[in-house]
N, C-alpha and C. Protein backbone atom coordinates (compact mmCIF):
# COMPACT_ATOMS: atom_id res chain seq x y z
N MET A 1 88.22 -44.50 61.84
CA MET A 1 89.03 -44.25 60.70
C MET A 1 88.49 -43.08 59.92
N ASN A 2 89.43 -42.33 59.51
CA ASN A 2 89.09 -41.15 58.75
C ASN A 2 89.45 -41.40 57.29
N ASN A 3 88.45 -41.41 56.43
CA ASN A 3 88.66 -41.67 55.01
C ASN A 3 88.69 -40.37 54.20
N SER A 4 89.04 -39.26 54.81
CA SER A 4 89.02 -37.99 54.12
C SER A 4 90.34 -37.69 53.41
N LYS A 5 91.24 -38.58 53.43
CA LYS A 5 92.50 -38.39 52.73
C LYS A 5 92.29 -38.58 51.23
N LEU A 6 92.96 -37.73 50.47
CA LEU A 6 92.89 -37.86 49.01
C LEU A 6 94.09 -38.65 48.54
N GLU A 7 93.82 -39.51 47.65
CA GLU A 7 94.91 -40.31 47.09
C GLU A 7 95.60 -39.51 45.99
N PRO A 8 96.85 -39.80 45.71
CA PRO A 8 97.57 -39.06 44.65
C PRO A 8 96.90 -39.17 43.29
N LYS A 9 96.23 -40.24 43.00
CA LYS A 9 95.55 -40.39 41.71
C LYS A 9 94.41 -39.37 41.60
N GLN A 10 93.73 -39.19 42.72
CA GLN A 10 92.62 -38.24 42.70
C GLN A 10 93.14 -36.80 42.56
N ILE A 11 94.25 -36.50 43.20
CA ILE A 11 94.83 -35.16 43.10
C ILE A 11 95.25 -34.89 41.66
N TRP A 12 95.92 -35.87 41.03
CA TRP A 12 96.33 -35.71 39.63
C TRP A 12 95.12 -35.58 38.71
N ALA A 13 94.05 -36.25 38.98
CA ALA A 13 92.85 -36.17 38.15
C ALA A 13 92.23 -34.79 38.26
N VAL A 14 92.13 -34.26 39.50
CA VAL A 14 91.56 -32.92 39.70
C VAL A 14 92.47 -31.89 39.04
N ALA A 15 93.79 -32.03 39.23
CA ALA A 15 94.75 -31.09 38.63
C ALA A 15 94.66 -31.16 37.11
N GLY A 16 94.49 -32.33 36.56
CA GLY A 16 94.36 -32.48 35.10
C GLY A 16 93.10 -31.81 34.58
N ILE A 17 92.01 -31.96 35.33
CA ILE A 17 90.75 -31.33 34.91
C ILE A 17 90.88 -29.82 34.96
N VAL A 18 91.47 -29.28 36.03
CA VAL A 18 91.67 -27.83 36.16
C VAL A 18 92.60 -27.34 35.05
N ALA A 19 93.66 -28.08 34.77
CA ALA A 19 94.60 -27.69 33.71
C ALA A 19 93.89 -27.71 32.35
N ALA A 20 93.04 -28.70 32.11
CA ALA A 20 92.31 -28.79 30.84
C ALA A 20 91.36 -27.61 30.69
N ILE A 21 90.72 -27.20 31.78
CA ILE A 21 89.81 -26.04 31.74
C ILE A 21 90.59 -24.78 31.41
N PHE A 22 91.73 -24.56 32.09
CA PHE A 22 92.55 -23.39 31.78
C PHE A 22 93.09 -23.43 30.36
N LEU A 23 93.48 -24.59 29.90
CA LEU A 23 93.98 -24.75 28.53
C LEU A 23 92.87 -24.44 27.52
N PHE A 24 91.66 -24.90 27.80
CA PHE A 24 90.52 -24.64 26.91
C PHE A 24 90.21 -23.14 26.87
N ILE A 25 90.20 -22.49 28.05
CA ILE A 25 89.92 -21.05 28.10
C ILE A 25 91.02 -20.28 27.37
N GLY A 26 92.28 -20.66 27.58
CA GLY A 26 93.39 -19.99 26.89
C GLY A 26 93.31 -20.19 25.39
N ALA A 27 93.03 -21.39 24.95
CA ALA A 27 92.91 -21.65 23.52
C ALA A 27 91.75 -20.87 22.93
N PHE A 28 90.65 -20.80 23.65
CA PHE A 28 89.47 -20.05 23.18
C PHE A 28 89.81 -18.57 23.05
N ALA A 29 90.62 -18.05 23.99
CA ALA A 29 91.00 -16.64 23.95
C ALA A 29 91.86 -16.35 22.72
N PHE A 30 92.68 -17.28 22.27
CA PHE A 30 93.51 -17.07 21.10
C PHE A 30 92.78 -17.39 19.80
N ILE A 31 91.90 -18.38 19.84
CA ILE A 31 91.22 -18.83 18.62
C ILE A 31 90.05 -17.90 18.26
N ARG A 32 89.40 -17.33 19.24
CA ARG A 32 88.21 -16.52 18.99
C ARG A 32 88.47 -15.34 18.05
N PRO A 33 89.53 -14.54 18.22
CA PRO A 33 89.77 -13.45 17.27
C PRO A 33 89.97 -13.95 15.84
N TRP A 34 90.69 -15.06 15.68
CA TRP A 34 90.86 -15.63 14.34
C TRP A 34 89.53 -16.08 13.76
N TYR A 35 88.70 -16.65 14.61
CA TYR A 35 87.37 -17.08 14.15
C TYR A 35 86.54 -15.87 13.72
N ASN A 36 86.63 -14.77 14.52
CA ASN A 36 85.87 -13.57 14.14
C ASN A 36 86.32 -13.03 12.79
N VAL A 37 87.62 -13.00 12.54
CA VAL A 37 88.14 -12.54 11.26
C VAL A 37 87.65 -13.46 10.14
N TRP A 38 87.76 -14.75 10.35
CA TRP A 38 87.31 -15.73 9.34
C TRP A 38 85.81 -15.57 9.09
N SER A 39 85.04 -15.40 10.17
CA SER A 39 83.58 -15.26 10.05
C SER A 39 83.23 -14.01 9.25
N GLN A 40 83.90 -12.89 9.53
CA GLN A 40 83.62 -11.66 8.79
C GLN A 40 84.02 -11.80 7.33
N GLU A 41 85.11 -12.51 7.07
CA GLU A 41 85.52 -12.76 5.69
C GLU A 41 84.47 -13.57 4.95
N MET A 42 83.92 -14.58 5.62
CA MET A 42 82.88 -15.39 4.99
C MET A 42 81.61 -14.56 4.75
N GLU A 43 81.25 -13.69 5.71
CA GLU A 43 80.08 -12.82 5.52
C GLU A 43 80.31 -11.88 4.35
N GLY A 44 81.52 -11.33 4.24
CA GLY A 44 81.85 -10.45 3.13
C GLY A 44 81.74 -11.17 1.79
N LYS A 45 82.25 -12.39 1.75
CA LYS A 45 82.14 -13.17 0.50
C LYS A 45 80.68 -13.45 0.16
N ALA A 46 79.88 -13.74 1.18
CA ALA A 46 78.45 -14.01 0.94
C ALA A 46 77.76 -12.75 0.43
N GLU A 47 78.05 -11.59 1.03
CA GLU A 47 77.45 -10.33 0.56
C GLU A 47 77.89 -10.01 -0.85
N PHE A 48 79.17 -10.25 -1.15
CA PHE A 48 79.68 -9.99 -2.50
C PHE A 48 78.98 -10.90 -3.51
N ALA A 49 78.81 -12.16 -3.16
CA ALA A 49 78.12 -13.09 -4.06
C ALA A 49 76.67 -12.67 -4.27
N LYS A 50 76.03 -12.21 -3.22
CA LYS A 50 74.63 -11.75 -3.33
C LYS A 50 74.55 -10.51 -4.22
N ALA A 51 75.49 -9.56 -4.02
CA ALA A 51 75.50 -8.36 -4.85
C ALA A 51 75.75 -8.71 -6.31
N GLU A 52 76.64 -9.64 -6.55
CA GLU A 52 76.94 -10.09 -7.91
C GLU A 52 75.71 -10.73 -8.55
N GLN A 53 75.01 -11.53 -7.77
CA GLN A 53 73.79 -12.18 -8.28
C GLN A 53 72.71 -11.13 -8.58
N ASN A 54 72.55 -10.14 -7.69
CA ASN A 54 71.57 -9.07 -7.92
C ASN A 54 71.92 -8.29 -9.18
N ARG A 55 73.21 -8.03 -9.40
CA ARG A 55 73.65 -7.33 -10.61
C ARG A 55 73.30 -8.14 -11.85
N LYS A 56 73.55 -9.43 -11.81
CA LYS A 56 73.22 -10.29 -12.96
C LYS A 56 71.71 -10.31 -13.21
N ILE A 57 70.93 -10.31 -12.14
CA ILE A 57 69.47 -10.29 -12.29
C ILE A 57 69.03 -9.00 -12.96
N LYS A 58 69.60 -7.86 -12.53
CA LYS A 58 69.24 -6.57 -13.13
C LYS A 58 69.62 -6.53 -14.60
N ILE A 59 70.78 -7.09 -14.94
CA ILE A 59 71.20 -7.14 -16.34
C ILE A 59 70.23 -7.97 -17.16
N GLU A 60 69.83 -9.12 -16.64
CA GLU A 60 68.88 -9.98 -17.36
C GLU A 60 67.52 -9.30 -17.50
N GLU A 61 67.08 -8.58 -16.46
CA GLU A 61 65.81 -7.86 -16.55
C GLU A 61 65.89 -6.77 -17.62
N ALA A 62 67.03 -6.06 -17.67
CA ALA A 62 67.21 -5.02 -18.68
C ALA A 62 67.20 -5.62 -20.08
N LYS A 63 67.84 -6.77 -20.25
CA LYS A 63 67.84 -7.45 -21.55
C LYS A 63 66.42 -7.86 -21.93
N ALA A 64 65.68 -8.36 -20.96
CA ALA A 64 64.29 -8.77 -21.24
C ALA A 64 63.44 -7.56 -21.61
N ASN A 65 63.63 -6.42 -20.91
CA ASN A 65 62.89 -5.20 -21.24
C ASN A 65 63.24 -4.71 -22.64
N LEU A 66 64.52 -4.78 -23.00
CA LEU A 66 64.94 -4.37 -24.34
C LEU A 66 64.29 -5.25 -25.40
N GLU A 67 64.29 -6.54 -25.16
CA GLU A 67 63.66 -7.47 -26.11
C GLU A 67 62.17 -7.19 -26.23
N ALA A 68 61.51 -6.92 -25.09
CA ALA A 68 60.09 -6.62 -25.12
C ALA A 68 59.82 -5.34 -25.90
N GLU A 69 60.67 -4.32 -25.71
CA GLU A 69 60.49 -3.05 -26.44
C GLU A 69 60.70 -3.26 -27.93
N LYS A 70 61.67 -4.09 -28.30
CA LYS A 70 61.88 -4.39 -29.72
C LYS A 70 60.65 -5.07 -30.31
N LEU A 71 60.10 -6.02 -29.57
CA LEU A 71 58.91 -6.73 -30.07
C LEU A 71 57.71 -5.79 -30.14
N ASN A 72 57.57 -4.90 -29.15
CA ASN A 72 56.48 -3.92 -29.19
C ASN A 72 56.64 -2.99 -30.39
N ALA A 73 57.87 -2.59 -30.68
CA ALA A 73 58.11 -1.73 -31.83
C ALA A 73 57.76 -2.47 -33.13
N GLN A 74 58.13 -3.73 -33.23
CA GLN A 74 57.79 -4.52 -34.41
C GLN A 74 56.28 -4.65 -34.55
N ALA A 75 55.60 -4.86 -33.43
CA ALA A 75 54.14 -4.96 -33.47
C ALA A 75 53.53 -3.65 -33.92
N GLU A 76 54.08 -2.53 -33.46
CA GLU A 76 53.57 -1.22 -33.86
C GLU A 76 53.79 -0.99 -35.35
N VAL A 77 54.94 -1.41 -35.86
CA VAL A 77 55.21 -1.28 -37.30
C VAL A 77 54.22 -2.12 -38.10
N GLU A 78 53.97 -3.33 -37.65
CA GLU A 78 53.01 -4.19 -38.36
C GLU A 78 51.60 -3.61 -38.30
N ARG A 79 51.23 -3.03 -37.15
CA ARG A 79 49.91 -2.41 -37.05
C ARG A 79 49.80 -1.23 -38.01
N ALA A 80 50.88 -0.43 -38.08
CA ALA A 80 50.88 0.72 -38.99
C ALA A 80 50.80 0.26 -40.45
N LYS A 81 51.51 -0.82 -40.78
CA LYS A 81 51.43 -1.36 -42.14
C LYS A 81 50.00 -1.80 -42.46
N GLY A 82 49.37 -2.45 -41.48
CA GLY A 82 47.99 -2.89 -41.68
C GLY A 82 47.05 -1.72 -41.86
N ALA A 83 47.24 -0.67 -41.05
CA ALA A 83 46.39 0.52 -41.17
C ALA A 83 46.62 1.20 -42.51
N ALA A 84 47.89 1.29 -42.95
CA ALA A 84 48.19 1.91 -44.24
C ALA A 84 47.56 1.11 -45.38
N GLU A 85 47.64 -0.18 -45.29
CA GLU A 85 47.03 -1.04 -46.31
C GLU A 85 45.52 -0.87 -46.33
N ALA A 86 44.91 -0.78 -45.15
CA ALA A 86 43.46 -0.58 -45.08
C ALA A 86 43.07 0.76 -45.68
N ILE A 87 43.85 1.78 -45.40
CA ILE A 87 43.56 3.10 -45.97
C ILE A 87 43.72 3.06 -47.49
N ARG A 88 44.76 2.38 -47.96
CA ARG A 88 44.98 2.26 -49.41
C ARG A 88 43.81 1.57 -50.08
N ILE A 89 43.30 0.50 -49.44
CA ILE A 89 42.17 -0.25 -50.01
C ILE A 89 40.91 0.60 -49.98
N GLU A 90 40.69 1.30 -48.87
CA GLU A 90 39.47 2.08 -48.72
C GLU A 90 39.51 3.39 -49.50
N ASN A 91 40.69 3.86 -49.86
CA ASN A 91 40.83 5.14 -50.53
C ASN A 91 40.03 5.16 -51.83
N GLY A 92 39.13 6.10 -51.92
CA GLY A 92 38.31 6.21 -53.11
C GLY A 92 37.07 5.36 -53.08
N SER A 93 36.99 4.39 -52.16
CA SER A 93 35.81 3.53 -52.13
C SER A 93 34.97 3.75 -50.88
N ILE A 94 35.27 4.78 -50.12
CA ILE A 94 34.48 5.05 -48.92
C ILE A 94 33.23 5.82 -49.33
N THR A 95 32.11 5.25 -48.97
CA THR A 95 30.82 5.87 -49.27
C THR A 95 30.15 6.26 -47.95
N PRO A 96 29.17 7.15 -48.01
CA PRO A 96 28.46 7.50 -46.78
C PRO A 96 27.83 6.28 -46.11
N THR A 97 27.40 5.31 -46.87
CA THR A 97 26.83 4.09 -46.29
C THR A 97 27.89 3.31 -45.52
N TYR A 98 29.09 3.22 -46.09
CA TYR A 98 30.18 2.50 -45.41
C TYR A 98 30.57 3.23 -44.12
N ILE A 99 30.57 4.56 -44.16
CA ILE A 99 30.87 5.33 -42.95
C ILE A 99 29.82 5.07 -41.88
N GLN A 100 28.55 5.00 -42.26
CA GLN A 100 27.49 4.68 -41.30
C GLN A 100 27.69 3.28 -40.72
N TYR A 101 28.07 2.35 -41.58
CA TYR A 101 28.34 0.98 -41.12
C TYR A 101 29.46 0.98 -40.08
N LEU A 102 30.56 1.70 -40.35
CA LEU A 102 31.66 1.78 -39.38
C LEU A 102 31.21 2.41 -38.07
N TRP A 103 30.37 3.43 -38.16
CA TRP A 103 29.87 4.10 -36.96
C TRP A 103 29.02 3.14 -36.13
N VAL A 104 28.14 2.38 -36.79
CA VAL A 104 27.29 1.42 -36.08
C VAL A 104 28.16 0.34 -35.44
N ARG A 105 29.16 -0.14 -36.14
CA ARG A 105 30.06 -1.17 -35.60
C ARG A 105 30.81 -0.63 -34.38
N GLN A 106 31.20 0.63 -34.41
CA GLN A 106 31.88 1.23 -33.27
C GLN A 106 30.94 1.30 -32.07
N GLN A 107 29.68 1.60 -32.31
CA GLN A 107 28.72 1.70 -31.21
C GLN A 107 28.51 0.36 -30.53
N SER A 108 28.60 -0.72 -31.26
CA SER A 108 28.42 -2.04 -30.64
C SER A 108 29.59 -2.41 -29.74
N ASP A 109 30.74 -1.79 -29.96
CA ASP A 109 31.91 -2.06 -29.14
C ASP A 109 31.87 -1.33 -27.80
N LEU A 110 30.93 -0.42 -27.63
CA LEU A 110 30.87 0.36 -26.40
C LEU A 110 30.31 -0.43 -25.22
N GLY A 111 29.58 -1.50 -25.48
CA GLY A 111 29.03 -2.31 -24.39
C GLY A 111 27.89 -1.59 -23.69
N ASN A 112 27.97 -1.50 -22.37
CA ASN A 112 26.90 -0.89 -21.56
C ASN A 112 27.19 0.58 -21.24
N LYS A 113 28.05 1.23 -22.00
CA LYS A 113 28.37 2.62 -21.73
C LYS A 113 27.27 3.53 -22.26
N THR A 114 27.10 4.66 -21.63
CA THR A 114 26.10 5.64 -22.04
C THR A 114 26.65 6.47 -23.19
N VAL A 115 25.84 6.64 -24.22
CA VAL A 115 26.24 7.42 -25.36
C VAL A 115 25.29 8.60 -25.47
N ILE A 116 25.84 9.78 -25.64
CA ILE A 116 25.03 10.99 -25.82
C ILE A 116 25.20 11.42 -27.26
N TYR A 117 24.09 11.52 -27.98
CA TYR A 117 24.13 11.91 -29.38
C TYR A 117 23.95 13.43 -29.47
N VAL A 118 24.82 14.08 -30.21
CA VAL A 118 24.77 15.53 -30.38
C VAL A 118 24.36 15.80 -31.82
N PRO A 119 23.24 16.50 -32.03
CA PRO A 119 22.83 16.81 -33.39
C PRO A 119 23.88 17.71 -34.05
N THR A 120 24.13 17.47 -35.31
CA THR A 120 25.16 18.24 -36.00
C THR A 120 24.67 18.73 -37.34
N GLU A 121 25.34 19.74 -37.82
CA GLU A 121 25.18 20.21 -39.20
C GLU A 121 26.58 20.23 -39.78
N THR A 122 26.78 19.54 -40.85
CA THR A 122 28.09 19.42 -41.51
C THR A 122 29.17 19.03 -40.50
N ASN A 123 28.83 18.04 -39.69
CA ASN A 123 29.75 17.47 -38.70
C ASN A 123 30.22 18.46 -37.64
N LEU A 124 29.49 19.56 -37.46
CA LEU A 124 29.78 20.50 -36.38
C LEU A 124 28.59 20.51 -35.44
N PRO A 125 28.79 20.52 -34.12
CA PRO A 125 27.66 20.51 -33.19
C PRO A 125 26.81 21.76 -33.35
N ILE A 126 25.52 21.57 -33.19
CA ILE A 126 24.60 22.69 -33.25
C ILE A 126 24.61 23.35 -31.88
N LEU A 127 24.92 24.59 -31.85
CA LEU A 127 24.96 25.31 -30.59
C LEU A 127 23.77 26.25 -30.54
N GLU A 128 22.83 25.94 -29.67
CA GLU A 128 21.59 26.70 -29.57
C GLU A 128 21.84 28.11 -29.08
N ALA A 129 22.92 28.34 -28.37
CA ALA A 129 23.17 29.67 -27.83
C ALA A 129 23.34 30.70 -28.94
N ASN A 130 23.87 30.28 -30.06
CA ASN A 130 24.07 31.20 -31.18
C ASN A 130 22.77 31.50 -31.90
N ARG A 131 21.74 30.73 -31.69
CA ARG A 131 20.48 30.90 -32.40
C ARG A 131 19.52 31.81 -31.67
N MET A 132 19.86 32.24 -30.46
CA MET A 132 18.95 33.11 -29.71
C MET A 132 18.91 34.49 -30.35
N PRO A 133 17.74 35.09 -30.36
CA PRO A 133 17.67 36.45 -30.94
C PRO A 133 18.46 37.42 -30.07
N ASN A 134 18.90 38.47 -30.72
CA ASN A 134 19.69 39.48 -29.98
C ASN A 134 18.76 40.22 -29.03
N VAL A 135 19.03 40.13 -27.76
CA VAL A 135 18.25 40.80 -26.74
C VAL A 135 19.08 41.98 -26.26
N PRO A 136 18.50 43.17 -26.24
CA PRO A 136 19.30 44.32 -25.80
C PRO A 136 19.68 44.19 -24.33
N ALA A 137 20.82 44.71 -24.00
CA ALA A 137 21.30 44.67 -22.62
C ALA A 137 20.43 45.57 -21.76
N PRO A 138 20.26 45.22 -20.47
CA PRO A 138 19.42 46.07 -19.59
C PRO A 138 20.03 47.47 -19.47
N ALA A 139 19.15 48.44 -19.43
CA ALA A 139 19.59 49.83 -19.32
C ALA A 139 20.08 50.11 -17.92
N GLU A 140 21.11 50.93 -17.85
CA GLU A 140 21.65 51.26 -16.53
C GLU A 140 20.77 52.32 -15.90
N SER A 141 20.48 52.16 -14.64
CA SER A 141 19.65 53.15 -13.94
C SER A 141 20.57 54.14 -13.22
N LYS A 142 20.11 55.41 -13.21
CA LYS A 142 20.91 56.45 -12.56
C LYS A 142 20.35 56.82 -11.26
């Protein structure tokens, strides 16, 4: 006996599977372009949302910088007021002793830095080059 005969049920099953494969491929061929368009639209919306968020971040950073500059300006005004008040208080009451005290206090703020002291006369540096006697220029030989 030869059992190589296919029954009609088996033929219909194979034909159904082949038809389903062709139907799937055909549907994929029509659906894929629509999916690509939809996918690009979603990518565009995502990029637009990202650009919008970046713009908002830049605006907020600019606002923060403006606020910081306003506060820095206020601090500078207050510092100037304090300096003006200090000058007003010190005006007329500055003595050579007080100036020496301020100089010593400034030196303590230098830490481990090297300080070079320059001798002065009336707050101008002494320049030894000007104190040399006039030496005549060497005579030219012929």
